[in-house]
C-alpha atoms as a PDB file:
ATOM      1  CA  MET A   1      29.080 171.807 203.376  1.00  0.00           C
ATOM      2  CA  GLU A   2      26.118 171.522 200.274  1.00  0.00           C
ATOM      3  CA  ILE A   3      26.746 168.075 200.129  1.00  0.00           C
ATOM      4  CA  LYS A   4      27.042 167.188 203.066  1.00  0.00           C
ATOM      5  CA  THR A   5      23.908 168.824 204.150  1.00  0.00           C
ATOM      6  CA  ARG A   6      22.046 167.087 201.310  1.00  0.00           C
ATOM      7  CA  ARG A   7      23.470 163.622 202.773  1.00  0.00           C
ATOM      8  CA  VAL A   8      21.299 164.177 206.534  1.00  0.00           C
ATOM      9  CA  ALA A   9      18.040 165.376 204.633  1.00  0.00           C
ATOM     10  CA  ARG A  10      18.314 162.624 202.457  1.00  0.00           C
ATOM     11  CA  LEU A  11      18.905 160.087 205.152  1.00  0.00           C
ATOM     12  CA  CYS A  12      16.050 161.793 206.573  1.00  0.00           C
ATOM     13  CA  LEU A  13      14.175 160.556 204.421  1.00  0.00           C
ATOM     14  CA  ALA A  14      15.627 157.247 203.529  1.00  0.00           C
ATOM     15  CA  ALA A  15      14.295 157.133 207.622  1.00  0.00           C
ATOM     16  CA  ILE A  16      11.017 158.169 207.318  1.00  0.00           C
ATOM     17  CA  ALA A  17      10.887 155.424 204.179  1.00  0.00           C
ATOM     18  CA  ALA A  18      12.187 153.133 205.895  1.00  0.00           C
ATOM     19  CA  PHE A  19       9.973 153.208 208.985  1.00  0.00           C
ATOM     20  CA  MET A  20       7.251 153.301 206.876  1.00  0.00           C
ATOM     21  CA  VAL A  21       7.144 150.647 204.612  1.00  0.00           C
ATOM     22  CA  PRO A  22       5.769 147.891 207.208  1.00  0.00           C
ATOM     23  CA  ALA A  23       2.470 150.205 207.515  1.00  0.00           C
ATOM     24  CA  GLY A  24       2.038 150.964 203.852  1.00  0.00           C
ATOM     25  CA  LEU A  25       2.194 147.001 203.204  1.00  0.00           C
ATOM     26  CA  GLN A  26       0.413 145.680 205.803  1.00  0.00           C
ATOM     27  CA  ALA A  27      -2.150 148.134 205.490  1.00  0.00           C
ATOM     28  CA  ALA A  28      -2.325 147.356 200.957  1.00  0.00           C
ATOM     29  CA  VAL A  29      -1.808 143.944 201.312  1.00  0.00           C
ATOM     30  CA  ALA A  30      -3.027 142.379 204.473  1.00  0.00           C
ATOM     31  CA  PRO A  31      -5.993 145.218 205.857  1.00  0.00           C
ATOM     32  CA  ARG A  32      -7.854 143.112 208.232  1.00  0.00           C
ATOM     33  CA  SER A  33      -4.524 142.319 209.974  1.00  0.00           C
ATOM     34  CA  PHE A  34      -3.237 145.748 209.900  1.00  0.00           C
ATOM     35  CA  PHE A  35      -6.807 146.684 211.290  1.00  0.00           C
ATOM     36  CA  GLU A  36      -6.907 144.276 213.835  1.00  0.00           C
ATOM     37  CA  ASP A  37      -2.887 144.229 214.397  1.00  0.00           C
ATOM     38  CA  PHE A  38      -1.010 146.800 213.584  1.00  0.00           C
ATOM     39  CA  PRO A  39       2.136 147.426 214.796  1.00  0.00           C
ATOM     40  CA  LEU A  40       3.339 144.235 216.134  1.00  0.00           C
ATOM     41  CA  GLY A  41      -0.315 142.882 217.593  1.00  0.00           C
ATOM     42  CA  ARG A  42      -1.037 145.663 219.290  1.00  0.00           C
ATOM     43  CA  GLY A  43      -3.968 146.542 217.668  1.00  0.00           C
ATOM     44  CA  TRP A  44      -3.818 150.472 217.691  1.00  0.00           C
ATOM     45  CA  VAL A  45      -6.212 151.103 214.451  1.00  0.00           C
ATOM     46  CA  ALA A  46      -8.809 148.823 216.503  1.00  0.00           C
ATOM     47  CA  ALA A  47      -8.938 149.805 219.815  1.00  0.00           C
ATOM     48  CA  GLU A  48     -10.550 153.090 218.782  1.00  0.00           C
ATOM     49  CA  GLY A  49     -13.588 151.416 217.972  1.00  0.00           C
ATOM     50  CA  GLY A  50     -14.515 152.028 214.641  1.00  0.00           C
ATOM     51  CA  ALA A  51     -15.378 149.568 212.332  1.00  0.00           C
ATOM     52  CA  TYR A  52     -13.478 148.118 209.888  1.00  0.00           C
ATOM     53  CA  ASP A  53     -13.416 149.156 206.111  1.00  0.00           C
ATOM     54  CA  GLU A  54     -11.330 146.718 203.749  1.00  0.00           C
ATOM     55  CA  HIS A  55     -11.280 149.963 200.791  1.00  0.00           C
ATOM     56  CA  LEU A  56      -9.877 152.555 203.226  1.00  0.00           C
ATOM     57  CA  VAL A  57      -7.275 150.284 204.697  1.00  0.00           C
ATOM     58  CA  ARG A  58      -6.299 148.989 201.436  1.00  0.00           C
ATOM     59  CA  ASP A  59      -6.780 152.787 199.815  1.00  0.00           C
ATOM     60  CA  VAL A  60      -4.384 154.444 202.778  1.00  0.00           C
ATOM     61  CA  GLY A  61      -1.447 151.931 202.694  1.00  0.00           C
ATOM     62  CA  VAL A  62      -1.642 152.086 198.511  1.00  0.00           C
ATOM     63  CA  LEU A  63      -0.755 155.885 199.326  1.00  0.00           C
ATOM     64  CA  PHE A  64       1.581 155.371 201.735  1.00  0.00           C
ATOM     65  CA  LEU A  65       3.746 152.958 199.727  1.00  0.00           C
ATOM     66  CA  ALA A  66       3.051 155.775 196.366  1.00  0.00           C
ATOM     67  CA  LEU A  67       4.511 158.334 198.664  1.00  0.00           C
ATOM     68  CA  ILE A  68       7.146 156.068 199.898  1.00  0.00           C
ATOM     69  CA  VAL A  69       8.179 155.147 196.231  1.00  0.00           C
ATOM     70  CA  VAL A  70       8.203 159.360 195.374  1.00  0.00           C
ATOM     71  CA  THR A  71      10.637 159.443 198.726  1.00  0.00           C
ATOM     72  CA  VAL A  72      13.213 156.589 197.008  1.00  0.00           C
ATOM     73  CA  TRP A  73      13.430 158.453 194.430  1.00  0.00           C
ATOM     74  CA  ALA A  74      13.729 161.804 196.349  1.00  0.00           C
ATOM     75  CA  VAL A  75      16.753 160.327 198.016  1.00  0.00           C
ATOM     76  CA  TRP A  76      18.104 158.267 195.204  1.00  0.00           C
ATOM     77  CA  ARG A  77      18.164 161.208 192.790  1.00  0.00           C
ATOM     78  CA  GLY A  78      19.026 163.427 195.210  1.00  0.00           C
ATOM     79  CA  GLU A  79      15.805 165.842 193.934  1.00  0.00           C
ATOM     80  CA  PHE A  80      12.638 166.978 195.696  1.00  0.00           C
ATOM     81  CA  VAL A  81      13.817 166.679 198.767  1.00  0.00           C
ATOM     82  CA  VAL A  82      11.853 169.749 200.171  1.00  0.00           C
ATOM     83  CA  PRO A  83       8.559 168.955 198.842  1.00  0.00           C
ATOM     84  CA  VAL A  84       9.096 165.863 199.678  1.00  0.00           C
ATOM     85  CA  ALA A  85       9.550 166.389 203.015  1.00  0.00           C
ATOM     86  CA  VAL A  86       7.085 168.638 203.323  1.00  0.00           C
ATOM     87  CA  ALA A  87       4.712 166.216 201.707  1.00  0.00           C
ATOM     88  CA  TRP A  88       5.378 163.986 204.833  1.00  0.00           C
ATOM     89  CA  LEU A  89       5.872 167.216 207.578  1.00  0.00           C
ATOM     90  CA  VAL A  90       1.891 167.419 206.261  1.00  0.00           C
ATOM     91  CA  GLN A  91       1.147 163.722 206.905  1.00  0.00           C
ATOM     92  CA  GLY A  92       2.910 163.299 210.051  1.00  0.00           C
ATOM     93  CA  VAL A  93       1.813 166.443 211.815  1.00  0.00           C
ATOM     94  CA  GLY A  94      -2.213 166.041 210.676  1.00  0.00           C
ATOM     95  CA  HIS A  95      -1.620 161.941 211.505  1.00  0.00           C
ATOM     96  CA  PHE A  96      -0.786 163.698 215.079  1.00  0.00           C
ATOM     97  CA  ALA A  97      -3.109 165.732 215.495  1.00  0.00           C
ATOM     98  CA  TYR A  98      -5.738 162.712 214.624  1.00  0.00           C
ATOM     99  CA  HIS A  99      -3.972 160.229 216.826  1.00  0.00           C
ATOM    100  CA  VAL A 100      -3.371 162.354 219.821  1.00  0.00           C
ATOM    101  CA  GLY A 101      -6.715 163.238 221.231  1.00  0.00           C
ATOM    102  CA  HIS A 102      -7.584 159.704 220.377  1.00  0.00           C
ATOM    103  CA  LEU A 103      -5.702 157.645 223.069  1.00  0.00           C
ATOM    104  CA  ASP A 104      -8.755 156.631 224.850  1.00  0.00           C
ATOM    105  CA  GLY A 105      -8.413 152.732 224.705  1.00  0.00           C
ATOM    106  CA  LEU A 106      -4.728 152.206 224.774  1.00  0.00           C
ATOM    107  CA  ALA A 107      -2.471 150.979 227.483  1.00  0.00           C
ATOM    108  CA  SER A 108       0.019 153.726 228.927  1.00  0.00           C
ATOM    109  CA  ILE A 109       3.071 151.718 227.127  1.00  0.00           C
ATOM    110  CA  ASP A 110       0.512 152.075 223.532  1.00  0.00           C
ATOM    111  CA  ARG A 111      -0.312 155.472 224.382  1.00  0.00           C
ATOM    112  CA  PHE A 112       3.698 156.093 224.703  1.00  0.00           C
ATOM    113  CA  GLY A 113       4.851 154.041 221.736  1.00  0.00           C
ATOM    114  CA  LEU A 114       2.102 155.868 219.276  1.00  0.00           C
ATOM    115  CA  VAL A 115       3.172 159.086 220.351  1.00  0.00           C
ATOM    116  CA  VAL A 116       7.150 158.451 219.624  1.00  0.00           C
ATOM    117  CA  SER A 117       5.571 156.663 216.650  1.00  0.00           C
ATOM    118  CA  LEU A 118       4.132 159.490 215.575  1.00  0.00           C
ATOM    119  CA  VAL A 119       6.929 162.423 216.119  1.00  0.00           C
ATOM    120  CA  ALA A 120       8.866 160.185 214.542  1.00  0.00           C
ATOM    121  CA  ILE A 121       7.960 160.873 210.515  1.00  0.00           C
ATOM    122  CA  PRO A 122       7.396 164.891 211.012  1.00  0.00           C
ATOM    123  CA  ALA A 123      10.707 165.027 213.183  1.00  0.00           C
ATOM    124  CA  LEU A 124      12.885 163.279 210.339  1.00  0.00           C
ATOM    125  CA  ALA A 125      10.571 165.707 208.206  1.00  0.00           C
ATOM    126  CA  MET A 126      11.728 169.054 209.744  1.00  0.00           C
ATOM    127  CA  ALA A 127      15.302 167.555 209.845  1.00  0.00           C
ATOM    128  CA  ALA A 128      15.108 166.960 205.996  1.00  0.00           C
ATOM    129  CA  ILE A 129      13.982 170.774 206.137  1.00  0.00           C
ATOM    130  CA  ILE A 130      16.440 172.510 208.267  1.00  0.00           C
ATOM    131  CA  ALA A 131      19.858 170.177 206.655  1.00  0.00           C
ATOM    132  CA  VAL A 132      18.960 172.037 203.331  1.00  0.00           C
ATOM    133  CA  GLY A 133      18.468 175.001 204.826  1.00  0.00           C
ATOM    134  CA  TRP A 134      14.988 176.086 202.858  1.00  0.00           C
ATOM    135  CA  THR A 135      13.238 178.488 203.772  1.00  0.00           C
ATOM    136  CA  PRO A 136       9.673 179.657 201.864  1.00  0.00           C
ATOM    137  CA  ALA A 137      11.257 182.267 200.674  1.00  0.00           C
ATOM    138  CA  ARG A 138      14.522 180.766 198.927  1.00  0.00           C
ATOM    139  CA  ARG A 139      14.338 178.508 196.274  1.00  0.00           C
ATOM    140  CA  VAL A 140      16.895 175.201 196.526  1.00  0.00           C
ATOM    141  CA  PRO A 141      18.531 174.940 193.692  1.00  0.00           C
END
């Protein structure tokens, strides 16, 4: 049973990595495009009305890519699944908490898409944590 639950956890992390690669690459390589067009020309970042900051957008993209590298490593090696999932949970909950309070300026379909996409990361991270049966008091071998 443990092999099957570890596989589920690793699949959840793989899904997070796959989901985040486009955003990380676009922000790191084409920050202006990320700011103005993300996702797929919808302009969710620019719709908030803040000023474009190339340095900040590139840094966020590179940080996403760095976390994706660690995630892929955890998936490939089957190690550090819980800490990587917890890292994505922290990122996902913080990201969600900010954006759910800043939905003004978006069309209804964009609000829906943003909220669904923001829930996906922490949901997958929690699924990975639950799959391995981890609790703060229990060590995973």
